[in-house]
N, C-alpha and C. Protein backbone atom coordinates (compact mmCIF):
# COMPACT_ATOMS: atom_id res chain seq x y z
N UNK A 1 3.57 38.50 26.47
CA UNK A 1 2.20 38.07 26.25
C UNK A 1 1.60 37.63 27.59
N UNK A 2 0.45 38.10 27.87
CA UNK A 2 -0.22 37.78 29.11
C UNK A 2 -0.97 36.45 28.96
N UNK A 3 -0.71 35.54 29.89
CA UNK A 3 -1.42 34.26 29.88
C UNK A 3 -2.71 34.43 30.66
N UNK A 4 -3.81 34.40 29.96
CA UNK A 4 -5.10 34.61 30.61
C UNK A 4 -5.49 33.43 31.51
N UNK A 5 -4.98 32.26 31.17
CA UNK A 5 -5.36 31.09 31.96
C UNK A 5 -4.67 31.08 33.32
N UNK A 6 -3.40 31.45 33.36
CA UNK A 6 -2.64 31.37 34.60
C UNK A 6 -2.73 32.66 35.40
N UNK A 7 -3.88 32.93 35.92
CA UNK A 7 -4.01 34.05 36.84
C UNK A 7 -4.40 33.51 38.21
N UNK A 8 -4.45 34.38 39.18
CA UNK A 8 -4.73 33.95 40.55
C UNK A 8 -6.08 33.26 40.69
N UNK A 9 -7.06 33.75 39.97
CA UNK A 9 -8.40 33.19 40.11
C UNK A 9 -8.47 31.75 39.60
N UNK A 10 -7.88 31.47 38.45
CA UNK A 10 -7.96 30.12 37.91
C UNK A 10 -7.12 29.15 38.73
N UNK A 11 -5.99 29.61 39.24
CA UNK A 11 -5.18 28.75 40.11
C UNK A 11 -5.93 28.49 41.42
N UNK A 12 -6.58 29.52 41.94
CA UNK A 12 -7.40 29.35 43.16
C UNK A 12 -8.54 28.38 42.90
N UNK A 13 -9.15 28.48 41.74
CA UNK A 13 -10.23 27.56 41.38
C UNK A 13 -9.76 26.11 41.39
N UNK A 14 -8.54 25.88 40.89
CA UNK A 14 -7.97 24.54 40.90
C UNK A 14 -7.86 24.01 42.32
N UNK A 15 -7.31 24.82 43.22
CA UNK A 15 -7.14 24.36 44.59
C UNK A 15 -8.47 24.22 45.32
N UNK A 16 -9.42 25.09 45.02
CA UNK A 16 -10.75 24.97 45.62
C UNK A 16 -11.41 23.66 45.16
N UNK A 17 -11.22 23.30 43.91
CA UNK A 17 -11.78 22.05 43.39
C UNK A 17 -11.01 20.83 43.91
N UNK A 18 -9.72 20.99 44.17
CA UNK A 18 -8.89 19.87 44.62
C UNK A 18 -9.13 19.51 46.08
N UNK A 19 -9.32 20.50 46.92
CA UNK A 19 -9.42 20.24 48.36
C UNK A 19 -10.46 19.19 48.74
N UNK A 20 -11.70 19.28 48.29
CA UNK A 20 -12.64 18.23 48.70
C UNK A 20 -12.33 16.86 48.10
N UNK A 21 -11.54 16.82 47.06
CA UNK A 21 -11.23 15.56 46.41
C UNK A 21 -10.08 14.81 47.08
N UNK A 22 -9.22 15.51 47.81
CA UNK A 22 -8.05 14.83 48.38
C UNK A 22 -8.31 14.27 49.77
N UNK A 23 -9.37 14.72 50.42
CA UNK A 23 -9.67 14.16 51.74
C UNK A 23 -10.36 12.81 51.58
N UNK A 24 -9.93 11.85 52.32
CA UNK A 24 -10.56 10.53 52.29
C UNK A 24 -10.13 9.66 51.12
N UNK A 25 -9.00 9.96 50.50
CA UNK A 25 -8.55 9.13 49.38
C UNK A 25 -8.18 7.72 49.83
N UNK A 26 -7.89 7.54 51.09
CA UNK A 26 -7.47 6.23 51.59
C UNK A 26 -8.59 5.34 52.07
N UNK A 27 -9.83 5.74 51.91
CA UNK A 27 -10.96 4.94 52.37
C UNK A 27 -11.58 4.18 51.20
N UNK A 28 -11.90 2.91 51.45
CA UNK A 28 -12.57 2.12 50.42
C UNK A 28 -13.99 2.62 50.22
N UNK A 29 -14.41 2.69 48.99
CA UNK A 29 -15.77 3.11 48.68
C UNK A 29 -16.61 1.96 48.15
N UNK A 30 -15.99 1.07 47.40
CA UNK A 30 -16.74 -0.04 46.80
C UNK A 30 -16.02 -1.36 47.08
N UNK A 31 -16.76 -2.44 47.05
CA UNK A 31 -16.21 -3.73 47.43
C UNK A 31 -15.26 -4.32 46.38
N UNK A 32 -15.43 -3.98 45.13
CA UNK A 32 -14.57 -4.56 44.09
C UNK A 32 -13.40 -3.66 43.71
N UNK A 33 -13.12 -2.67 44.53
CA UNK A 33 -12.03 -1.75 44.23
C UNK A 33 -10.68 -2.47 44.18
N UNK A 34 -10.50 -3.43 45.07
CA UNK A 34 -9.26 -4.20 45.09
C UNK A 34 -9.04 -4.88 43.74
N UNK A 35 -10.07 -5.52 43.24
CA UNK A 35 -9.99 -6.20 41.95
C UNK A 35 -9.77 -5.22 40.82
N UNK A 36 -10.51 -4.12 40.83
CA UNK A 36 -10.39 -3.15 39.74
C UNK A 36 -9.00 -2.53 39.68
N UNK A 37 -8.45 -2.20 40.83
CA UNK A 37 -7.12 -1.57 40.84
C UNK A 37 -6.07 -2.53 40.34
N UNK A 38 -6.15 -3.79 40.78
CA UNK A 38 -5.15 -4.75 40.32
C UNK A 38 -5.36 -5.13 38.87
N UNK A 39 -6.61 -5.25 38.43
CA UNK A 39 -6.85 -5.57 37.02
C UNK A 39 -6.50 -4.40 36.12
N UNK A 40 -6.87 -3.21 36.53
CA UNK A 40 -6.64 -2.04 35.68
C UNK A 40 -5.23 -1.51 35.83
N UNK A 41 -4.88 -1.06 37.02
CA UNK A 41 -3.61 -0.37 37.23
C UNK A 41 -2.39 -1.26 37.16
N UNK A 42 -2.38 -2.32 37.96
CA UNK A 42 -1.20 -3.18 38.01
C UNK A 42 -0.97 -3.89 36.68
N UNK A 43 -2.04 -4.40 36.10
CA UNK A 43 -1.91 -5.10 34.82
C UNK A 43 -1.44 -4.16 33.72
N UNK A 44 -1.97 -2.94 33.71
CA UNK A 44 -1.54 -1.97 32.69
C UNK A 44 -0.08 -1.60 32.88
N UNK A 45 0.33 -1.42 34.13
CA UNK A 45 1.73 -1.08 34.40
C UNK A 45 2.65 -2.21 33.98
N UNK A 46 2.25 -3.46 34.25
CA UNK A 46 3.04 -4.61 33.82
C UNK A 46 3.14 -4.64 32.29
N UNK A 47 2.05 -4.32 31.62
CA UNK A 47 2.05 -4.30 30.15
C UNK A 47 2.94 -3.19 29.62
N UNK A 48 2.91 -2.01 30.26
CA UNK A 48 3.82 -0.92 29.86
C UNK A 48 5.28 -1.36 29.99
N UNK A 49 5.59 -2.03 31.09
CA UNK A 49 6.97 -2.47 31.32
C UNK A 49 7.41 -3.50 30.29
N UNK A 50 6.49 -4.32 29.82
CA UNK A 50 6.80 -5.30 28.77
C UNK A 50 6.80 -4.68 27.38
N UNK A 51 6.28 -3.47 27.25
CA UNK A 51 6.15 -2.84 25.95
C UNK A 51 4.94 -3.33 25.17
N UNK A 52 4.02 -3.98 25.86
CA UNK A 52 2.83 -4.55 25.24
C UNK A 52 1.65 -3.59 25.44
N UNK A 53 1.58 -2.54 24.63
CA UNK A 53 0.56 -1.51 24.81
C UNK A 53 -0.86 -2.03 24.56
N UNK A 54 -0.97 -3.07 23.76
CA UNK A 54 -2.29 -3.65 23.50
C UNK A 54 -2.89 -4.24 24.79
N UNK A 55 -2.03 -4.74 25.66
CA UNK A 55 -2.50 -5.34 26.91
C UNK A 55 -2.92 -4.29 27.93
N UNK A 56 -2.69 -3.01 27.65
CA UNK A 56 -3.14 -1.97 28.58
C UNK A 56 -4.63 -1.71 28.45
N UNK A 57 -5.23 -2.24 27.41
CA UNK A 57 -6.67 -2.07 27.21
C UNK A 57 -7.42 -2.89 28.26
N UNK A 58 -8.39 -2.26 28.86
CA UNK A 58 -9.23 -2.93 29.86
C UNK A 58 -10.65 -2.79 29.36
N UNK A 59 -11.35 -3.86 29.19
CA UNK A 59 -12.61 -3.85 28.45
C UNK A 59 -13.80 -3.23 29.18
N UNK A 60 -13.67 -2.88 30.43
CA UNK A 60 -14.78 -2.24 31.12
C UNK A 60 -14.71 -0.73 30.92
N UNK A 61 -15.85 -0.09 30.84
CA UNK A 61 -15.90 1.37 30.63
C UNK A 61 -15.44 2.07 31.88
N UNK A 62 -14.70 3.11 31.81
CA UNK A 62 -13.83 3.60 30.74
C UNK A 62 -12.44 3.00 30.89
N UNK A 63 -12.27 1.83 30.37
CA UNK A 63 -11.12 0.98 30.62
C UNK A 63 -9.75 1.59 30.44
N UNK A 64 -9.46 2.15 29.29
CA UNK A 64 -8.12 2.67 29.04
C UNK A 64 -7.81 3.84 29.96
N UNK A 65 -8.75 4.73 30.13
CA UNK A 65 -8.54 5.87 31.02
C UNK A 65 -8.24 5.40 32.43
N UNK A 66 -9.01 4.45 32.92
CA UNK A 66 -8.80 3.94 34.27
C UNK A 66 -7.46 3.24 34.41
N UNK A 67 -7.14 2.38 33.48
CA UNK A 67 -5.91 1.60 33.62
C UNK A 67 -4.68 2.49 33.51
N UNK A 68 -4.69 3.45 32.61
CA UNK A 68 -3.52 4.32 32.46
C UNK A 68 -3.38 5.27 33.64
N UNK A 69 -4.48 5.81 34.16
CA UNK A 69 -4.39 6.68 35.33
C UNK A 69 -3.97 5.90 36.57
N UNK A 70 -4.48 4.69 36.73
CA UNK A 70 -4.05 3.85 37.85
C UNK A 70 -2.55 3.55 37.75
N UNK A 71 -2.09 3.20 36.55
CA UNK A 71 -0.67 2.92 36.35
C UNK A 71 0.18 4.16 36.62
N UNK A 72 -0.31 5.32 36.22
CA UNK A 72 0.41 6.57 36.49
C UNK A 72 0.55 6.81 37.99
N UNK A 73 -0.52 6.56 38.73
CA UNK A 73 -0.46 6.73 40.18
C UNK A 73 0.49 5.75 40.85
N UNK A 74 0.44 4.50 40.44
CA UNK A 74 1.33 3.48 41.00
C UNK A 74 2.78 3.81 40.67
N UNK A 75 3.03 4.19 39.42
CA UNK A 75 4.39 4.56 39.02
C UNK A 75 4.90 5.78 39.76
N UNK A 76 4.02 6.75 39.98
CA UNK A 76 4.42 7.95 40.72
C UNK A 76 4.77 7.64 42.16
N UNK A 77 3.98 6.78 42.81
CA UNK A 77 4.28 6.40 44.19
C UNK A 77 5.59 5.62 44.25
N UNK A 78 5.81 4.73 43.29
CA UNK A 78 7.05 3.97 43.26
C UNK A 78 8.26 4.91 43.12
N UNK A 79 8.16 5.90 42.22
CA UNK A 79 9.26 6.86 42.08
C UNK A 79 9.51 7.63 43.37
N UNK A 80 8.45 8.07 44.00
CA UNK A 80 8.59 8.80 45.26
C UNK A 80 9.26 7.93 46.32
N UNK A 81 8.83 6.70 46.44
CA UNK A 81 9.41 5.81 47.44
C UNK A 81 10.83 5.38 47.09
N UNK A 82 11.13 5.30 45.81
CA UNK A 82 12.51 4.99 45.41
C UNK A 82 13.45 6.14 45.77
N UNK A 83 13.02 7.37 45.48
CA UNK A 83 13.86 8.53 45.77
C UNK A 83 14.04 8.75 47.27
N UNK A 84 13.03 8.40 48.06
CA UNK A 84 13.14 8.58 49.51
C UNK A 84 13.74 7.36 50.19
N UNK A 85 13.96 6.29 49.45
CA UNK A 85 14.55 5.08 50.02
C UNK A 85 13.56 4.21 50.77
N UNK A 86 12.28 4.44 50.59
CA UNK A 86 11.26 3.68 51.30
C UNK A 86 11.02 2.30 50.70
N UNK A 87 11.45 2.09 49.45
CA UNK A 87 11.28 0.78 48.83
C UNK A 87 12.51 0.44 48.00
N UNK A 88 12.79 -0.84 47.94
CA UNK A 88 13.85 -1.31 47.05
C UNK A 88 13.26 -2.27 46.02
N UNK A 89 11.94 -2.39 46.01
CA UNK A 89 11.26 -3.28 45.06
C UNK A 89 11.38 -2.76 43.64
N UNK A 90 11.35 -3.69 42.70
CA UNK A 90 11.27 -3.28 41.30
C UNK A 90 9.87 -2.72 41.06
N UNK A 91 9.71 -1.97 40.00
CA UNK A 91 8.40 -1.40 39.69
C UNK A 91 7.37 -2.49 39.47
N UNK A 92 7.78 -3.58 38.85
CA UNK A 92 6.88 -4.70 38.60
C UNK A 92 6.38 -5.31 39.91
N UNK A 93 7.28 -5.54 40.85
CA UNK A 93 6.89 -6.11 42.15
C UNK A 93 6.08 -5.10 42.96
N UNK A 94 6.45 -3.83 42.86
CA UNK A 94 5.75 -2.78 43.59
C UNK A 94 4.29 -2.68 43.14
N UNK A 95 4.05 -2.86 41.86
CA UNK A 95 2.69 -2.77 41.31
C UNK A 95 1.78 -3.86 41.86
N UNK A 96 2.36 -4.95 42.31
CA UNK A 96 1.56 -6.05 42.88
C UNK A 96 1.53 -6.02 44.40
N UNK A 97 1.97 -4.93 45.00
CA UNK A 97 2.00 -4.85 46.46
C UNK A 97 0.60 -4.64 47.04
N UNK A 98 0.53 -4.51 48.34
CA UNK A 98 -0.74 -4.42 49.07
C UNK A 98 -1.59 -3.25 48.57
N UNK A 99 -2.86 -3.53 48.38
CA UNK A 99 -3.79 -2.54 47.84
C UNK A 99 -3.92 -1.33 48.76
N UNK A 100 -3.86 -1.53 50.06
CA UNK A 100 -3.99 -0.40 50.98
C UNK A 100 -2.82 0.56 50.83
N UNK A 101 -1.68 0.04 50.44
CA UNK A 101 -0.51 0.88 50.22
C UNK A 101 -0.65 1.69 48.92
N UNK A 102 -1.33 1.14 47.95
CA UNK A 102 -1.45 1.78 46.63
C UNK A 102 -2.69 2.65 46.47
N UNK A 103 -3.63 2.55 47.38
CA UNK A 103 -4.95 3.14 47.19
C UNK A 103 -4.92 4.65 46.95
N UNK A 104 -4.22 5.39 47.79
CA UNK A 104 -4.17 6.85 47.63
C UNK A 104 -3.47 7.21 46.32
N UNK A 105 -2.39 6.51 46.01
CA UNK A 105 -1.65 6.81 44.78
C UNK A 105 -2.48 6.55 43.53
N UNK A 106 -3.33 5.54 43.58
CA UNK A 106 -4.18 5.22 42.44
C UNK A 106 -5.29 6.25 42.27
N UNK A 107 -5.80 6.77 43.37
CA UNK A 107 -6.89 7.73 43.30
C UNK A 107 -6.43 9.16 43.04
N UNK A 108 -5.21 9.49 43.39
CA UNK A 108 -4.73 10.86 43.26
C UNK A 108 -4.77 11.39 41.82
N UNK A 109 -4.38 10.63 40.80
CA UNK A 109 -4.49 11.17 39.43
C UNK A 109 -5.91 11.56 39.04
N UNK A 110 -6.91 10.82 39.51
CA UNK A 110 -8.31 11.17 39.23
C UNK A 110 -8.67 12.49 39.90
N UNK A 111 -8.25 12.65 41.14
CA UNK A 111 -8.54 13.88 41.87
C UNK A 111 -7.88 15.08 41.19
N UNK A 112 -6.63 14.91 40.78
CA UNK A 112 -5.92 16.01 40.10
C UNK A 112 -6.56 16.33 38.76
N UNK A 113 -6.91 15.30 38.01
CA UNK A 113 -7.49 15.52 36.69
C UNK A 113 -8.85 16.21 36.77
N UNK A 114 -9.70 15.78 37.69
CA UNK A 114 -11.01 16.42 37.79
C UNK A 114 -10.90 17.83 38.36
N UNK A 115 -9.96 18.05 39.27
CA UNK A 115 -9.76 19.40 39.79
C UNK A 115 -9.20 20.32 38.71
N UNK A 116 -8.36 19.80 37.83
CA UNK A 116 -7.82 20.59 36.73
C UNK A 116 -8.91 20.93 35.72
N UNK A 117 -9.87 20.05 35.58
CA UNK A 117 -10.96 20.26 34.63
C UNK A 117 -11.79 21.49 34.98
N UNK A 118 -11.95 21.79 36.27
CA UNK A 118 -12.79 22.91 36.70
C UNK A 118 -12.28 24.25 36.17
N UNK A 119 -11.00 24.63 36.39
CA UNK A 119 -10.55 25.91 35.83
C UNK A 119 -10.48 25.92 34.30
N UNK A 120 -10.24 24.77 33.70
CA UNK A 120 -10.22 24.72 32.23
C UNK A 120 -11.60 25.05 31.68
N UNK A 121 -12.63 24.44 32.25
CA UNK A 121 -14.00 24.72 31.81
C UNK A 121 -14.35 26.17 32.11
N UNK A 122 -13.92 26.67 33.25
CA UNK A 122 -14.18 28.08 33.60
C UNK A 122 -13.60 29.02 32.54
N UNK A 123 -12.34 28.79 32.17
CA UNK A 123 -11.70 29.67 31.18
C UNK A 123 -12.39 29.56 29.83
N UNK A 124 -12.72 28.34 29.42
CA UNK A 124 -13.39 28.16 28.12
C UNK A 124 -14.77 28.81 28.11
N UNK A 125 -15.52 28.63 29.18
CA UNK A 125 -16.84 29.26 29.25
C UNK A 125 -16.74 30.78 29.33
N UNK A 126 -15.74 31.27 30.04
CA UNK A 126 -15.56 32.72 30.15
C UNK A 126 -15.31 33.32 28.77
N UNK A 127 -14.47 32.68 27.99
CA UNK A 127 -14.20 33.16 26.63
C UNK A 127 -15.44 33.06 25.75
N UNK A 128 -16.14 31.96 25.87
CA UNK A 128 -17.34 31.77 25.07
C UNK A 128 -18.42 32.78 25.42
N UNK A 129 -18.65 32.98 26.70
CA UNK A 129 -19.70 33.91 27.13
C UNK A 129 -19.31 35.36 26.91
N UNK A 130 -18.01 35.65 26.96
CA UNK A 130 -17.56 37.01 26.69
C UNK A 130 -17.90 37.39 25.26
N UNK A 131 -17.64 36.50 24.34
CA UNK A 131 -17.96 36.76 22.94
C UNK A 131 -19.47 36.85 22.72
N UNK A 132 -20.22 35.96 23.35
CA UNK A 132 -21.67 35.99 23.15
C UNK A 132 -22.30 37.20 23.82
N UNK A 133 -21.74 37.68 24.93
CA UNK A 133 -22.30 38.87 25.57
C UNK A 133 -22.04 40.11 24.71
N UNK A 134 -20.90 40.15 24.03
CA UNK A 134 -20.63 41.26 23.11
C UNK A 134 -21.63 41.23 21.95
N UNK A 135 -21.89 40.05 21.43
CA UNK A 135 -22.84 39.92 20.33
C UNK A 135 -24.24 40.30 20.78
N UNK A 136 -24.60 39.93 21.99
CA UNK A 136 -25.91 40.28 22.53
C UNK A 136 -26.05 41.78 22.68
N UNK A 137 -24.99 42.43 23.17
CA UNK A 137 -25.03 43.89 23.35
C UNK A 137 -25.17 44.59 22.00
N UNK A 138 -24.45 44.11 21.00
CA UNK A 138 -24.52 44.72 19.67
C UNK A 138 -25.91 44.50 19.07
N UNK A 139 -26.45 43.30 19.20
CA UNK A 139 -27.76 43.02 18.60
C UNK A 139 -28.88 43.76 19.33
N UNK A 140 -28.76 43.92 20.64
CA UNK A 140 -29.81 44.65 21.36
C UNK A 140 -29.76 46.15 21.05
N UNK A 141 -28.57 46.69 20.80
CA UNK A 141 -28.46 48.11 20.41
C UNK A 141 -29.02 48.33 19.01
N UNK A 142 -28.80 47.36 18.14
CA UNK A 142 -29.29 47.52 16.77
C UNK A 142 -30.82 47.40 16.70
N UNK A 143 -31.42 46.73 17.66
CA UNK A 143 -32.87 46.57 17.68
C UNK A 143 -33.56 47.83 18.21
N UNK A 144 -32.82 48.67 18.89
CA UNK A 144 -33.44 49.86 19.48
C UNK A 144 -33.63 50.94 18.48
């Protein structure tokens, strides 16, 4: 079975969408980013470690999405640094480390998710428009 989604064009679209998103991930954009990352990401990760999923809720829009993606980025960086021997901290202590160290890891899941969204929308629209173009061709022939 041929996978229509996984062709060269859609994979290229992903990387084309990802490239502008990965440059400058380490630069601060807003003044309250430090607070947001620690409130959303670190707190959610601490709640995951305790098994308290209710505490992963963050009441600011879009709270749950932000807190879970931040926690995913922090956890991913911790795993990478554990495997490379760059840290011996526990995940709980690592989540409370310096914001400048965590900044790229927290932003990377957003960049990946939005870049992934581009080829997904492309494939969905291609299928939708392919069907509608066939219907348009049939209806225009029947009108003649």
